[in-house]
Amino acid sequence: DGISERATTDVIVDKIASMSCKAAVKGSQRLSLPEMEQLMKDLMKLDNPYNCPHGRPTLIVMSKYDIERKFKRIV
């Protein structure tokens, strides 16, 4: 029936989301410039490149001012 099909689909989507998070690049992992460029190209091909399957952001926007502040260039 419709309810069990939806529940099965939800379970499958959740499983795929978990698998993608486990396979994702981690914060401590170093990437080469070509790997970074390819990652961004692949990300921009997605329907929603701004959030992971669990809804967390994949990108943030920072102004030059914000970056300078983070690196103590502006007090």
PDB file of N, CA and C in Angstrom:
ATOM      1  N   ASP A   1       0.838  -1.191   0.000  1.00  0.00           N
ATOM      2  CA  ASP A   1       0.000   0.000   0.000  1.00  0.00           C
ATOM      3  C   ASP A   1       0.880   1.251   0.000  1.00  0.00           C
ATOM      4  N   GLY A   2       0.281   2.408  -0.089  1.00  0.00           N
ATOM      5  CA  GLY A   2       1.012   3.668  -0.178  1.00  0.00           C
ATOM      6  C   GLY A   2       1.850   3.991   1.033  1.00  0.00           C
ATOM      7  N   ILE A   3       1.338   3.660   2.223  1.00  0.00           N
ATOM      8  CA  ILE A   3       2.058   3.988   3.464  1.00  0.00           C
ATOM      9  C   ILE A   3       3.331   3.157   3.575  1.00  0.00           C
ATOM     10  N   SER A   4       3.230   1.849   3.323  1.00  0.00           N
ATOM     11  CA  SER A   4       4.423   1.002   3.450  1.00  0.00           C
ATOM     12  C   SER A   4       5.447   1.321   2.363  1.00  0.00           C
ATOM     13  N   GLU A   5       4.984   1.697   1.158  1.00  0.00           N
ATOM     14  CA  GLU A   5       5.917   2.088   0.096  1.00  0.00           C
ATOM     15  C   GLU A   5       6.662   3.358   0.483  1.00  0.00           C
ATOM     16  N   ARG A   6       5.942   4.324   1.062  1.00  0.00           N
ATOM     17  CA  ARG A   6       6.569   5.577   1.510  1.00  0.00           C
ATOM     18  C   ARG A   6       7.568   5.305   2.619  1.00  0.00           C
ATOM     19  N   ALA A   7       7.195   4.433   3.554  1.00  0.00           N
ATOM     20  CA  ALA A   7       8.089   4.094   4.666  1.00  0.00           C
ATOM     21  C   ALA A   7       9.348   3.413   4.138  1.00  0.00           C
ATOM     22  N   THR A   8       9.189   2.506   3.178  1.00  0.00           N
ATOM     23  CA  THR A   8      10.337   1.829   2.579  1.00  0.00           C
ATOM     24  C   THR A   8      11.233   2.833   1.869  1.00  0.00           C
ATOM     25  N   THR A   9      10.637   3.754   1.118  1.00  0.00           N
ATOM     26  CA  THR A   9      11.403   4.795   0.427  1.00  0.00           C
ATOM     27  C   THR A   9      12.152   5.659   1.426  1.00  0.00           C
ATOM     28  N   ASP A  10      11.507   6.040   2.516  1.00  0.00           N
ATOM     29  CA  ASP A  10      12.163   6.853   3.547  1.00  0.00           C
ATOM     30  C   ASP A  10      13.354   6.125   4.155  1.00  0.00           C
ATOM     31  N   VAL A  11      13.212   4.836   4.402  1.00  0.00           N
ATOM     32  CA  VAL A  11      14.304   4.037   4.970  1.00  0.00           C
ATOM     33  C   VAL A  11      15.473   3.988   3.990  1.00  0.00           C
ATOM     34  N   ILE A  12      15.171   3.796   2.717  1.00  0.00           N
ATOM     35  CA  ILE A  12      16.221   3.737   1.695  1.00  0.00           C
ATOM     36  C   ILE A  12      16.942   5.076   1.588  1.00  0.00           C
ATOM     37  N   VAL A  13      16.186   6.170   1.551  1.00  0.00           N
ATOM     38  CA  VAL A  13      16.786   7.510   1.468  1.00  0.00           C
ATOM     39  C   VAL A  13      17.657   7.777   2.692  1.00  0.00           C
ATOM     40  N   ASP A  14      17.173   7.413   3.880  1.00  0.00           N
ATOM     41  CA  ASP A  14      17.967   7.595   5.106  1.00  0.00           C
ATOM     42  C   ASP A  14      19.257   6.781   5.059  1.00  0.00           C
ATOM     43  N   LYS A  15      19.182   5.567   4.553  1.00  0.00           N
ATOM     44  CA  LYS A  15      20.370   4.707   4.460  1.00  0.00           C
ATOM     45  C   LYS A  15      21.389   5.301   3.490  1.00  0.00           C
ATOM     46  N   ILE A  16      20.920   5.783   2.345  1.00  0.00           N
ATOM     47  CA  ILE A  16      21.817   6.399   1.360  1.00  0.00           C
ATOM     48  C   ILE A  16      22.442   7.666   1.935  1.00  0.00           C
ATOM     49  N   ALA A  17      21.657   8.463   2.659  1.00  0.00           N
ATOM     50  CA  ALA A  17      22.182   9.680   3.290  1.00  0.00           C
ATOM     51  C   ALA A  17      23.274   9.332   4.293  1.00  0.00           C
ATOM     52  N   SER A  18      23.055   8.305   5.088  1.00  0.00           N
ATOM     53  CA  SER A  18      24.066   7.884   6.069  1.00  0.00           C
ATOM     54  C   SER A  18      25.332   7.384   5.383  1.00  0.00           C
ATOM     55  N   MET A  19      25.170   6.636   4.315  1.00  0.00           N
ATOM     56  CA  MET A  19      26.325   6.134   3.574  1.00  0.00           C
ATOM     57  C   MET A  19      27.123   7.285   2.965  1.00  0.00           C
ATOM     58  N   SER A  20      26.421   8.286   2.443  1.00  0.00           N
ATOM     59  CA  SER A  20      27.128   9.412   1.830  1.00  0.00           C
ATOM     60  C   SER A  20      27.884  10.216   2.880  1.00  0.00           C
ATOM     61  N   CYS A  21      27.312  10.366   4.072  1.00  0.00           N
ATOM     62  CA  CYS A  21      28.007  11.091   5.140  1.00  0.00           C
ATOM     63  C   CYS A  21      29.258  10.340   5.591  1.00  0.00           C
ATOM     64  N   LYS A  22      29.168   9.023   5.690  1.00  0.00           N
ATOM     65  CA  LYS A  22      30.338   8.235   6.100  1.00  0.00           C
ATOM     66  C   LYS A  22      31.455   8.304   5.063  1.00  0.00           C
ATOM     67  N   ALA A  23      31.080   8.418   3.780  1.00  0.00           N
ATOM     68  CA  ALA A  23      32.068   8.469   2.699  1.00  0.00           C
ATOM     69  C   ALA A  23      32.557   9.886   2.404  1.00  0.00           C
ATOM     70  N   ALA A  24      31.974  10.874   3.050  1.00  0.00           N
ATOM     71  CA  ALA A  24      32.291  12.279   2.758  1.00  0.00           C
ATOM     72  C   ALA A  24      33.700  12.657   3.193  1.00  0.00           C
ATOM     73  N   VAL A  25      34.195  13.727   2.595  1.00  0.00           N
ATOM     74  CA  VAL A  25      35.486  14.291   2.988  1.00  0.00           C
ATOM     75  C   VAL A  25      35.353  14.801   4.415  1.00  0.00           C
ATOM     76  N   LYS A  26      36.294  14.435   5.254  1.00  0.00           N
ATOM     77  CA  LYS A  26      36.278  14.864   6.659  1.00  0.00           C
ATOM     78  C   LYS A  26      37.143  16.109   6.827  1.00  0.00           C
ATOM     79  N   GLY A  27      36.912  16.849   7.890  1.00  0.00           N
ATOM     80  CA  GLY A  27      37.620  18.098   8.142  1.00  0.00           C
ATOM     81  C   GLY A  27      39.121  17.952   8.252  1.00  0.00           C
ATOM     82  N   SER A  28      39.583  16.817   8.711  1.00  0.00           N
ATOM     83  CA  SER A  28      41.027  16.621   8.875  1.00  0.00           C
ATOM     84  C   SER A  28      41.699  16.106   7.600  1.00  0.00           C
ATOM     85  N   GLN A  29      40.900  15.809   6.592  1.00  0.00           N
ATOM     86  CA  GLN A  29      41.432  15.242   5.353  1.00  0.00           C
ATOM     87  C   GLN A  29      41.950  16.347   4.435  1.00  0.00           C
ATOM     88  N   ARG A  30      43.190  16.219   3.975  1.00  0.00           N
ATOM     89  CA  ARG A  30      43.783  17.194   3.057  1.00  0.00           C
ATOM     90  C   ARG A  30      43.450  16.802   1.621  1.00  0.00           C
ATOM     91  N   LEU A  31      43.056  17.799   0.837  1.00  0.00           N
ATOM     92  CA  LEU A  31      42.770  17.576  -0.576  1.00  0.00           C
ATOM     93  C   LEU A  31      43.751  18.375  -1.418  1.00  0.00           C
ATOM     94  N   SER A  32      44.074  17.845  -2.588  1.00  0.00           N
ATOM     95  CA  SER A  32      44.895  18.597  -3.532  1.00  0.00           C
ATOM     96  C   SER A  32      43.999  19.636  -4.209  1.00  0.00           C
ATOM     97  N   LEU A  33      44.601  20.613  -4.865  1.00  0.00           N
ATOM     98  CA  LEU A  33      43.822  21.626  -5.576  1.00  0.00           C
ATOM     99  C   LEU A  33      42.919  20.991  -6.634  1.00  0.00           C
ATOM    100  N   PRO A  34      43.409  20.047  -7.459  1.00  0.00           N
ATOM    101  CA  PRO A  34      42.507  19.398  -8.419  1.00  0.00           C
ATOM    102  C   PRO A  34      41.339  18.661  -7.739  1.00  0.00           C
ATOM    103  N   GLU A  35      41.593  18.037  -6.594  1.00  0.00           N
ATOM    104  CA  GLU A  35      40.508  17.363  -5.862  1.00  0.00           C
ATOM    105  C   GLU A  35      39.477  18.373  -5.370  1.00  0.00           C
ATOM    106  N   MET A  36      39.945  19.516  -4.870  1.00  0.00           N
ATOM    107  CA  MET A  36      39.020  20.566  -4.412  1.00  0.00           C
ATOM    108  C   MET A  36      38.178  21.091  -5.568  1.00  0.00           C
ATOM    109  N   GLU A  37      38.843  21.331  -6.702  1.00  0.00           N
ATOM    110  CA  GLU A  37      38.121  21.838  -7.872  1.00  0.00           C
ATOM    111  C   GLU A  37      37.071  20.839  -8.337  1.00  0.00           C
ATOM    112  N   GLN A  38      37.427  19.552  -8.371  1.00  0.00           N
ATOM    113  CA  GLN A  38      36.475  18.530  -8.795  1.00  0.00           C
ATOM    114  C   GLN A  38      35.321  18.408  -7.804  1.00  0.00           C
ATOM    115  N   LEU A  39      35.621  18.499  -6.529  1.00  0.00           N
ATOM    116  CA  LEU A  39      34.585  18.441  -5.502  1.00  0.00           C
ATOM    117  C   LEU A  39      33.565  19.563  -5.712  1.00  0.00           C
ATOM    118  N   MET A  40      34.053  20.775  -5.984  1.00  0.00           N
ATOM    119  CA  MET A  40      33.145  21.907  -6.200  1.00  0.00           C
ATOM    120  C   MET A  40      32.339  21.730  -7.486  1.00  0.00           C
ATOM    121  N   LYS A  41      32.966  21.225  -8.547  1.00  0.00           N
ATOM    122  CA  LYS A  41      32.238  20.973  -9.797  1.00  0.00           C
ATOM    123  C   LYS A  41      31.132  19.954  -9.560  1.00  0.00           C
ATOM    124  N   ASP A  42      31.468  18.866  -8.866  1.00  0.00           N
ATOM    125  CA  ASP A  42      30.475  17.826  -8.577  1.00  0.00           C
ATOM    126  C   ASP A  42      29.354  18.363  -7.700  1.00  0.00           C
ATOM    127  N   LEU A  43      29.701  19.162  -6.715  1.00  0.00           N
ATOM    128  CA  LEU A  43      28.709  19.738  -5.809  1.00  0.00           C
ATOM    129  C   LEU A  43      27.725  20.613  -6.577  1.00  0.00           C
ATOM    130  N   MET A  44      28.235  21.419  -7.507  1.00  0.00           N
ATOM    131  CA  MET A  44      27.382  22.344  -8.251  1.00  0.00           C
ATOM    132  C   MET A  44      26.481  21.646  -9.266  1.00  0.00           C
ATOM    133  N   LYS A  45      26.710  20.366  -9.531  1.00  0.00           N
ATOM    134  CA  LYS A  45      25.846  19.596 -10.428  1.00  0.00           C
ATOM    135  C   LYS A  45      24.574  19.118  -9.722  1.00  0.00           C
ATOM    136  N   LEU A  46      24.559  19.175  -8.395  1.00  0.00           N
ATOM    137  CA  LEU A  46      23.421  18.670  -7.624  1.00  0.00           C
ATOM    138  C   LEU A  46      22.233  19.618  -7.693  1.00  0.00           C
ATOM    139  N   ASP A  47      21.033  19.066  -7.492  1.00  0.00           N
ATOM    140  CA  ASP A  47      19.826  19.894  -7.433  1.00  0.00           C
ATOM    141  C   ASP A  47      19.900  20.868  -6.271  1.00  0.00           C
ATOM    142  N   ASN A  48      20.412  20.413  -5.137  1.00  0.00           N
ATOM    143  CA  ASN A  48      20.563  21.277  -3.965  1.00  0.00           C
ATOM    144  C   ASN A  48      21.992  21.137  -3.437  1.00  0.00           C
ATOM    145  N   PRO A  49      22.914  21.975  -3.940  1.00  0.00           N
ATOM    146  CA  PRO A  49      24.304  21.862  -3.495  1.00  0.00           C
ATOM    147  C   PRO A  49      24.569  22.502  -2.133  1.00  0.00           C
ATOM    148  N   TYR A  50      23.562  23.104  -1.541  1.00  0.00           N
ATOM    149  CA  TYR A  50      23.770  23.909  -0.335  1.00  0.00           C
ATOM    150  C   TYR A  50      23.587  23.151   0.974  1.00  0.00           C
ATOM    151  N   ASN A  51      23.035  21.936   0.903  1.00  0.00           N
ATOM    152  CA  ASN A  51      22.810  21.145   2.119  1.00  0.00           C
ATOM    153  C   ASN A  51      23.141  19.686   1.861  1.00  0.00           C
ATOM    154  N   CYS A  52      23.670  19.021   2.891  1.00  0.00           N
ATOM    155  CA  CYS A  52      23.913  17.581   2.798  1.00  0.00           C
ATOM    156  C   CYS A  52      22.560  16.863   2.902  1.00  0.00           C
ATOM    157  N   PRO A  53      22.525  15.562   2.668  1.00  0.00           N
ATOM    158  CA  PRO A  53      21.254  14.835   2.759  1.00  0.00           C
ATOM    159  C   PRO A  53      20.570  14.944   4.127  1.00  0.00           C
ATOM    160  N   HIS A  54      21.345  15.235   5.179  1.00  0.00           N
ATOM    161  CA  HIS A  54      20.751  15.395   6.508  1.00  0.00           C
ATOM    162  C   HIS A  54      20.335  16.834   6.788  1.00  0.00           C
ATOM    163  N   GLY A  55      20.561  17.742   5.826  1.00  0.00           N
ATOM    164  CA  GLY A  55      20.120  19.125   5.982  1.00  0.00           C
ATOM    165  C   GLY A  55      21.177  20.096   6.479  1.00  0.00           C
ATOM    166  N   ARG A  56      22.369  19.595   6.768  1.00  0.00           N
ATOM    167  CA  ARG A  56      23.432  20.496   7.232  1.00  0.00           C
ATOM    168  C   ARG A  56      24.023  21.248   6.043  1.00  0.00           C
ATOM    169  N   PRO A  57      24.494  22.476   6.264  1.00  0.00           N
ATOM    170  CA  PRO A  57      25.039  23.257   5.145  1.00  0.00           C
ATOM    171  C   PRO A  57      26.339  22.661   4.608  1.00  0.00           C
ATOM    172  N   THR A  58      26.507  22.750   3.288  1.00  0.00           N
ATOM    173  CA  THR A  58      27.742  22.299   2.650  1.00  0.00           C
ATOM    174  C   THR A  58      28.648  23.473   2.312  1.00  0.00           C
ATOM    175  N   LEU A  59      28.090  24.661   2.280  1.00  0.00           N
ATOM    176  CA  LEU A  59      28.831  25.877   1.944  1.00  0.00           C
ATOM    177  C   LEU A  59      28.441  26.979   2.906  1.00  0.00           C
ATOM    178  N   ILE A  60      29.338  27.914   3.069  1.00  0.00           N
ATOM    179  CA  ILE A  60      28.984  29.138   3.781  1.00  0.00           C
ATOM    180  C   ILE A  60      29.532  30.307   2.977  1.00  0.00           C
ATOM    181  N   VAL A  61      28.912  31.445   3.115  1.00  0.00           N
ATOM    182  CA  VAL A  61      29.371  32.655   2.448  1.00  0.00           C
ATOM    183  C   VAL A  61      30.000  33.549   3.501  1.00  0.00           C
ATOM    184  N   MET A  62      31.205  33.997   3.205  1.00  0.00           N
ATOM    185  CA  MET A  62      31.896  34.908   4.119  1.00  0.00           C
ATOM    186  C   MET A  62      32.410  36.094   3.311  1.00  0.00           C
ATOM    187  N   SER A  63      32.200  37.265   3.835  1.00  0.00           N
ATOM    188  CA  SER A  63      32.732  38.461   3.183  1.00  0.00           C
ATOM    189  C   SER A  63      34.233  38.556   3.451  1.00  0.00           C
ATOM    190  N   LYS A  64      34.907  39.391   2.681  1.00  0.00           N
ATOM    191  CA  LYS A  64      36.336  39.624   2.913  1.00  0.00           C
ATOM    192  C   LYS A  64      36.542  40.139   4.337  1.00  0.00           C
ATOM    193  N   TYR A  65      35.648  41.000   4.780  1.00  0.00           N
ATOM    194  CA  TYR A  65      35.724  41.552   6.138  1.00  0.00           C
ATOM    195  C   TYR A  65      35.668  40.426   7.176  1.00  0.00           C
ATOM    196  N   ASP A  66      34.726  39.486   7.010  1.00  0.00           N
ATOM    197  CA  ASP A  66      34.597  38.362   7.951  1.00  0.00           C
ATOM    198  C   ASP A  66      35.865  37.509   7.986  1.00  0.00           C
ATOM    199  N   ILE A  67      36.437  37.253   6.822  1.00  0.00           N
ATOM    200  CA  ILE A  67      37.657  36.447   6.760  1.00  0.00           C
ATOM    201  C   ILE A  67      38.802  37.175   7.452  1.00  0.00           C
ATOM    202  N   GLU A  68      38.939  38.463   7.170  1.00  0.00           N
ATOM    203  CA  GLU A  68      40.001  39.241   7.812  1.00  0.00           C
ATOM    204  C   GLU A  68      39.819  39.272   9.326  1.00  0.00           C
ATOM    205  N   ARG A  69      38.581  39.371   9.776  1.00  0.00           N
ATOM    206  CA  ARG A  69      38.301  39.372  11.214  1.00  0.00           C
ATOM    207  C   ARG A  69      38.678  38.033  11.843  1.00  0.00           C
ATOM    208  N   LYS A  70      38.357  36.947  11.166  1.00  0.00           N
ATOM    209  CA  LYS A  70      38.685  35.612  11.682  1.00  0.00           C
ATOM    210  C   LYS A  70      40.189  35.427  11.850  1.00  0.00           C
ATOM    211  N   PHE A  71      40.960  36.043  10.970  1.00  0.00           N
ATOM    212  CA  PHE A  71      42.414  35.915  11.021  1.00  0.00           C
ATOM    213  C   PHE A  71      43.074  37.102  11.715  1.00  0.00           C
ATOM    214  N   LYS A  72      42.263  37.793  12.509  1.00  0.00           N
ATOM    215  CA  LYS A  72      42.766  38.891  13.350  1.00  0.00           C
ATOM    216  C   LYS A  72      43.432  40.013  12.554  1.00  0.00           C
ATOM    217  N   ARG A  73      42.992  40.226  11.317  1.00  0.00           N
ATOM    218  CA  ARG A  73      43.498  41.340  10.518  1.00  0.00           C
ATOM    219  C   ARG A  73      42.732  42.616  10.853  1.00  0.00           C
ATOM    220  N   ILE A  74      41.510  42.413  11.352  1.00  0.00           N
ATOM    221  CA  ILE A  74      40.659  43.532  11.768  1.00  0.00           C
ATOM    222  C   ILE A  74      40.251  43.280  13.208  1.00  0.00           C
ATOM    223  N   VAL A  75      40.393  44.277  14.041  1.00  0.00           N
ATOM    224  CA  VAL A  75      40.054  44.117  15.460  1.00  0.00           C
ATOM    225  C   VAL A  75      38.758  44.838  15.746  1.00  0.00           C
TER     226      VAL A  75
END
